[in-house]
Amino acid sequence: MKKYDPSSTNLQIGLKILTFTATWCGDCKFIEPFMPIIEKNNPNFEFIEVDIDKYSELANNFRIKGIPSFVAINEGEEIGRFVNGDRKTKPEIENFIKGLSVK
């Protein structure tokens, strides 16, 4: 998964799923093994990992209160979110992505 870099990541272009994480987050470590599979199965989205400690302003802008959390954007506009402080499972993340309405 690509890491967020404000100098090279343009959130205004294309379909993206921002994955908000932190190095100290146990639930974030839990999803690491299956995220490459989810990413591979959803090639229409660009997956971007955002470290909330490094990019807290971006996390605040998206009202991230718990991690891991996911925000889907299309051409800079939010189209869906899976944001809470609970541990996420592979089926829950897949269902979130399947439920997105992409035009």
N, C-alpha and C. Protein backbone atom coordinates (compact mmCIF):
# COMPACT_ATOMS: atom_id res chain seq x y z
N MET A 1 0.85 -1.17 0.00
CA MET A 1 0.00 0.00 0.00
C MET A 1 0.90 1.23 0.00
N LYS A 2 0.52 2.17 -0.82
CA LYS A 2 1.27 3.41 -0.91
C LYS A 2 1.10 4.22 0.38
N LYS A 3 2.16 4.84 0.82
CA LYS A 3 2.12 5.70 2.01
C LYS A 3 1.80 7.14 1.57
N TYR A 4 0.99 7.81 2.35
CA TYR A 4 0.63 9.19 2.07
C TYR A 4 1.85 10.08 2.14
N ASP A 5 2.02 10.90 1.12
CA ASP A 5 3.08 11.90 1.05
C ASP A 5 2.46 13.15 0.44
N PRO A 6 2.32 14.21 1.22
CA PRO A 6 1.63 15.40 0.70
C PRO A 6 2.30 16.00 -0.53
N SER A 7 3.57 15.74 -0.73
CA SER A 7 4.26 16.31 -1.89
C SER A 7 3.98 15.53 -3.18
N SER A 8 3.49 14.28 -3.05
CA SER A 8 3.27 13.49 -4.26
C SER A 8 1.89 12.83 -4.34
N THR A 9 1.07 12.96 -3.32
CA THR A 9 -0.26 12.34 -3.31
C THR A 9 -1.31 13.41 -3.59
N ASN A 10 -2.01 13.26 -4.72
CA ASN A 10 -3.06 14.20 -5.07
C ASN A 10 -4.41 13.56 -4.75
N LEU A 11 -5.05 14.05 -3.71
CA LEU A 11 -6.33 13.50 -3.29
C LEU A 11 -7.50 13.99 -4.15
N GLN A 12 -7.23 14.90 -5.07
CA GLN A 12 -8.29 15.48 -5.90
C GLN A 12 -8.53 14.70 -7.18
N ILE A 13 -7.68 13.71 -7.46
CA ILE A 13 -7.77 12.97 -8.72
C ILE A 13 -7.97 11.49 -8.44
N GLY A 14 -9.01 10.91 -9.04
CA GLY A 14 -9.21 9.47 -9.00
C GLY A 14 -9.94 8.96 -7.78
N LEU A 15 -10.09 7.63 -7.78
CA LEU A 15 -10.74 6.92 -6.67
C LEU A 15 -9.67 6.47 -5.69
N LYS A 16 -9.86 6.82 -4.43
CA LYS A 16 -8.87 6.48 -3.41
C LYS A 16 -9.57 5.97 -2.16
N ILE A 17 -8.87 5.08 -1.47
CA ILE A 17 -9.29 4.70 -0.13
C ILE A 17 -8.15 5.04 0.80
N LEU A 18 -8.41 5.99 1.68
CA LEU A 18 -7.43 6.39 2.67
C LEU A 18 -7.58 5.47 3.87
N THR A 19 -6.48 4.85 4.26
CA THR A 19 -6.47 3.96 5.42
C THR A 19 -5.69 4.66 6.51
N PHE A 20 -6.40 5.10 7.53
CA PHE A 20 -5.77 5.84 8.64
C PHE A 20 -5.27 4.85 9.68
N THR A 21 -3.96 4.93 9.99
CA THR A 21 -3.31 3.99 10.89
C THR A 21 -2.30 4.72 11.77
N ALA A 22 -1.63 3.94 12.62
CA ALA A 22 -0.51 4.43 13.42
C ALA A 22 0.40 3.24 13.73
N THR A 23 1.67 3.50 13.91
CA THR A 23 2.62 2.42 14.17
C THR A 23 2.34 1.69 15.47
N TRP A 24 1.76 2.35 16.45
CA TRP A 24 1.50 1.78 17.76
C TRP A 24 0.15 1.06 17.85
N CYS A 25 -0.62 1.07 16.79
CA CYS A 25 -2.00 0.56 16.80
C CYS A 25 -2.04 -0.96 16.56
N GLY A 26 -2.44 -1.70 17.57
CA GLY A 26 -2.54 -3.16 17.45
C GLY A 26 -3.58 -3.60 16.43
N ASP A 27 -4.72 -2.92 16.38
CA ASP A 27 -5.75 -3.29 15.41
C ASP A 27 -5.30 -2.99 13.98
N CYS A 28 -4.42 -2.00 13.81
CA CYS A 28 -3.86 -1.69 12.50
C CYS A 28 -2.93 -2.83 12.06
N LYS A 29 -2.17 -3.36 12.99
CA LYS A 29 -1.29 -4.51 12.71
C LYS A 29 -2.13 -5.73 12.33
N PHE A 30 -3.30 -5.87 12.96
CA PHE A 30 -4.18 -7.00 12.69
C PHE A 30 -4.63 -7.04 11.23
N ILE A 31 -4.89 -5.88 10.62
CA ILE A 31 -5.39 -5.85 9.23
C ILE A 31 -4.27 -5.94 8.19
N GLU A 32 -3.02 -5.71 8.60
CA GLU A 32 -1.91 -5.69 7.65
C GLU A 32 -1.83 -6.93 6.75
N PRO A 33 -1.97 -8.15 7.30
CA PRO A 33 -1.81 -9.33 6.44
C PRO A 33 -2.81 -9.44 5.29
N PHE A 34 -4.04 -8.97 5.49
CA PHE A 34 -5.03 -9.14 4.43
C PHE A 34 -5.28 -7.88 3.60
N MET A 35 -4.69 -6.77 3.95
CA MET A 35 -4.89 -5.56 3.15
C MET A 35 -4.34 -5.69 1.72
N PRO A 36 -3.19 -6.35 1.49
CA PRO A 36 -2.75 -6.51 0.09
C PRO A 36 -3.75 -7.29 -0.76
N ILE A 37 -4.44 -8.24 -0.16
CA ILE A 37 -5.46 -9.02 -0.89
C ILE A 37 -6.63 -8.12 -1.24
N ILE A 38 -7.09 -7.34 -0.27
CA ILE A 38 -8.20 -6.41 -0.51
C ILE A 38 -7.82 -5.41 -1.59
N GLU A 39 -6.60 -4.90 -1.51
CA GLU A 39 -6.12 -3.94 -2.51
C GLU A 39 -6.09 -4.58 -3.90
N LYS A 40 -5.59 -5.80 -4.01
CA LYS A 40 -5.50 -6.51 -5.29
C LYS A 40 -6.89 -6.76 -5.86
N ASN A 41 -7.86 -7.05 -4.99
CA ASN A 41 -9.22 -7.35 -5.44
C ASN A 41 -10.04 -6.11 -5.79
N ASN A 42 -9.48 -4.94 -5.56
CA ASN A 42 -10.17 -3.67 -5.84
C ASN A 42 -9.25 -2.73 -6.60
N PRO A 43 -8.86 -3.12 -7.84
CA PRO A 43 -7.87 -2.34 -8.58
C PRO A 43 -8.34 -0.96 -9.04
N ASN A 44 -9.65 -0.72 -8.98
CA ASN A 44 -10.16 0.59 -9.39
C ASN A 44 -9.88 1.67 -8.33
N PHE A 45 -9.48 1.24 -7.13
CA PHE A 45 -9.14 2.18 -6.06
C PHE A 45 -7.63 2.22 -5.85
N GLU A 46 -7.12 3.39 -5.54
CA GLU A 46 -5.75 3.54 -5.08
C GLU A 46 -5.82 3.59 -3.56
N PHE A 47 -5.15 2.66 -2.91
CA PHE A 47 -5.14 2.59 -1.46
C PHE A 47 -3.94 3.37 -0.93
N ILE A 48 -4.21 4.25 0.02
CA ILE A 48 -3.16 5.10 0.58
C ILE A 48 -3.21 5.02 2.10
N GLU A 49 -2.10 4.65 2.69
CA GLU A 49 -1.99 4.57 4.14
C GLU A 49 -1.58 5.93 4.70
N VAL A 50 -2.34 6.41 5.67
CA VAL A 50 -2.08 7.70 6.30
C VAL A 50 -1.76 7.48 7.77
N ASP A 51 -0.54 7.81 8.17
CA ASP A 51 -0.13 7.71 9.57
C ASP A 51 -0.69 8.92 10.31
N ILE A 52 -1.59 8.69 11.26
CA ILE A 52 -2.25 9.81 11.94
C ILE A 52 -1.30 10.62 12.82
N ASP A 53 -0.20 10.01 13.23
CA ASP A 53 0.78 10.76 14.03
C ASP A 53 1.57 11.72 13.17
N LYS A 54 1.88 11.33 11.94
CA LYS A 54 2.62 12.20 11.02
C LYS A 54 1.70 13.23 10.36
N TYR A 55 0.46 12.82 10.09
CA TYR A 55 -0.46 13.68 9.34
C TYR A 55 -1.75 13.89 10.12
N SER A 56 -1.62 14.38 11.33
CA SER A 56 -2.77 14.58 12.21
C SER A 56 -3.75 15.60 11.65
N GLU A 57 -3.26 16.59 10.93
CA GLU A 57 -4.16 17.60 10.36
C GLU A 57 -5.10 16.96 9.33
N LEU A 58 -4.56 16.08 8.49
CA LEU A 58 -5.40 15.39 7.51
C LEU A 58 -6.42 14.50 8.23
N ALA A 59 -5.96 13.79 9.26
CA ALA A 59 -6.87 12.95 10.05
C ALA A 59 -7.98 13.80 10.67
N ASN A 60 -7.63 14.95 11.20
CA ASN A 60 -8.62 15.85 11.79
C ASN A 60 -9.60 16.35 10.73
N ASN A 61 -9.08 16.67 9.53
CA ASN A 61 -9.93 17.15 8.44
C ASN A 61 -10.99 16.11 8.07
N PHE A 62 -10.62 14.84 8.18
CA PHE A 62 -11.55 13.75 7.87
C PHE A 62 -12.28 13.23 9.10
N ARG A 63 -12.12 13.93 10.24
CA ARG A 63 -12.81 13.59 11.49
C ARG A 63 -12.55 12.15 11.92
N ILE A 64 -11.29 11.75 11.88
CA ILE A 64 -10.92 10.41 12.29
C ILE A 64 -10.79 10.38 13.80
N LYS A 65 -11.58 9.54 14.45
CA LYS A 65 -11.59 9.45 15.91
C LYS A 65 -11.06 8.11 16.41
N GLY A 66 -10.97 7.13 15.55
CA GLY A 66 -10.47 5.82 15.93
C GLY A 66 -9.77 5.18 14.74
N ILE A 67 -8.86 4.27 15.02
CA ILE A 67 -8.13 3.62 13.95
C ILE A 67 -8.08 2.12 14.19
N PRO A 68 -7.95 1.35 13.11
CA PRO A 68 -7.86 1.79 11.72
C PRO A 68 -9.22 2.28 11.22
N SER A 69 -9.18 3.24 10.33
CA SER A 69 -10.39 3.78 9.71
C SER A 69 -10.14 3.98 8.23
N PHE A 70 -11.23 3.94 7.47
CA PHE A 70 -11.15 4.03 6.02
C PHE A 70 -12.08 5.14 5.52
N VAL A 71 -11.55 5.95 4.61
CA VAL A 71 -12.36 6.98 3.96
C VAL A 71 -12.15 6.82 2.46
N ALA A 72 -13.25 6.68 1.72
CA ALA A 72 -13.19 6.57 0.26
C ALA A 72 -13.49 7.93 -0.34
N ILE A 73 -12.68 8.31 -1.32
CA ILE A 73 -12.89 9.58 -2.00
C ILE A 73 -12.85 9.37 -3.51
N ASN A 74 -13.63 10.18 -4.20
CA ASN A 74 -13.66 10.17 -5.66
C ASN A 74 -13.50 11.60 -6.12
N GLU A 75 -12.41 11.86 -6.82
CA GLU A 75 -12.10 13.21 -7.31
C GLU A 75 -12.15 14.23 -6.16
N GLY A 76 -11.65 13.84 -5.01
CA GLY A 76 -11.55 14.75 -3.86
C GLY A 76 -12.78 14.81 -2.98
N GLU A 77 -13.88 14.19 -3.41
CA GLU A 77 -15.12 14.20 -2.63
C GLU A 77 -15.29 12.89 -1.89
N GLU A 78 -15.62 12.98 -0.61
CA GLU A 78 -15.85 11.77 0.17
C GLU A 78 -17.09 11.05 -0.33
N ILE A 79 -16.95 9.72 -0.55
CA ILE A 79 -18.08 8.92 -1.00
C ILE A 79 -18.44 7.83 0.00
N GLY A 80 -17.64 7.68 1.04
CA GLY A 80 -17.96 6.69 2.05
C GLY A 80 -16.91 6.65 3.14
N ARG A 81 -17.33 6.15 4.31
CA ARG A 81 -16.39 6.05 5.42
C ARG A 81 -16.73 4.86 6.29
N PHE A 82 -15.68 4.26 6.81
CA PHE A 82 -15.78 3.16 7.77
C PHE A 82 -14.86 3.59 8.90
N VAL A 83 -15.44 4.41 9.79
CA VAL A 83 -14.65 5.10 10.82
C VAL A 83 -15.24 4.80 12.19
N ASN A 84 -14.44 4.12 13.01
CA ASN A 84 -14.77 3.89 14.41
C ASN A 84 -13.54 3.32 15.08
N GLY A 85 -13.60 3.08 16.34
CA GLY A 85 -12.45 2.59 17.07
C GLY A 85 -12.40 1.08 17.21
N ASP A 86 -13.27 0.37 16.48
CA ASP A 86 -13.33 -1.08 16.59
C ASP A 86 -12.32 -1.76 15.68
N ARG A 87 -11.95 -2.98 16.04
CA ARG A 87 -11.11 -3.81 15.17
C ARG A 87 -11.93 -4.14 13.93
N LYS A 88 -11.30 -4.01 12.77
CA LYS A 88 -11.97 -4.31 11.50
C LYS A 88 -11.55 -5.70 11.03
N THR A 89 -12.49 -6.43 10.44
CA THR A 89 -12.19 -7.73 9.86
C THR A 89 -12.13 -7.61 8.34
N LYS A 90 -11.56 -8.60 7.71
CA LYS A 90 -11.48 -8.61 6.25
C LYS A 90 -12.87 -8.52 5.63
N PRO A 91 -13.85 -9.35 6.07
CA PRO A 91 -15.19 -9.23 5.47
C PRO A 91 -15.83 -7.86 5.68
N GLU A 92 -15.62 -7.24 6.83
CA GLU A 92 -16.19 -5.91 7.08
C GLU A 92 -15.61 -4.88 6.11
N ILE A 93 -14.31 -4.93 5.90
CA ILE A 93 -13.66 -3.98 4.98
C ILE A 93 -14.13 -4.23 3.55
N GLU A 94 -14.21 -5.51 3.16
CA GLU A 94 -14.69 -5.84 1.82
C GLU A 94 -16.14 -5.37 1.62
N ASN A 95 -16.98 -5.55 2.61
CA ASN A 95 -18.37 -5.10 2.51
C ASN A 95 -18.47 -3.59 2.42
N PHE A 96 -17.60 -2.89 3.16
CA PHE A 96 -17.56 -1.43 3.05
C PHE A 96 -17.26 -1.02 1.62
N ILE A 97 -16.25 -1.62 1.01
CA ILE A 97 -15.84 -1.25 -0.35
C ILE A 97 -16.95 -1.62 -1.34
N LYS A 98 -17.54 -2.79 -1.20
CA LYS A 98 -18.62 -3.22 -2.10
C LYS A 98 -19.81 -2.28 -2.01
N GLY A 99 -20.05 -1.69 -0.86
CA GLY A 99 -21.19 -0.81 -0.66
C GLY A 99 -21.00 0.61 -1.17
N LEU A 100 -19.80 0.93 -1.65
CA LEU A 100 -19.55 2.29 -2.13
C LEU A 100 -20.26 2.54 -3.46
N SER A 101 -20.82 3.70 -3.58
CA SER A 101 -21.47 4.10 -4.83
C SER A 101 -20.50 4.95 -5.63
N VAL A 102 -19.99 4.37 -6.71
CA VAL A 102 -18.99 5.06 -7.53
C VAL A 102 -19.62 5.40 -8.86
N LYS A 103 -19.54 6.69 -9.22
CA LYS A 103 -20.12 7.16 -10.49
C LYS A 103 -19.06 7.24 -11.55
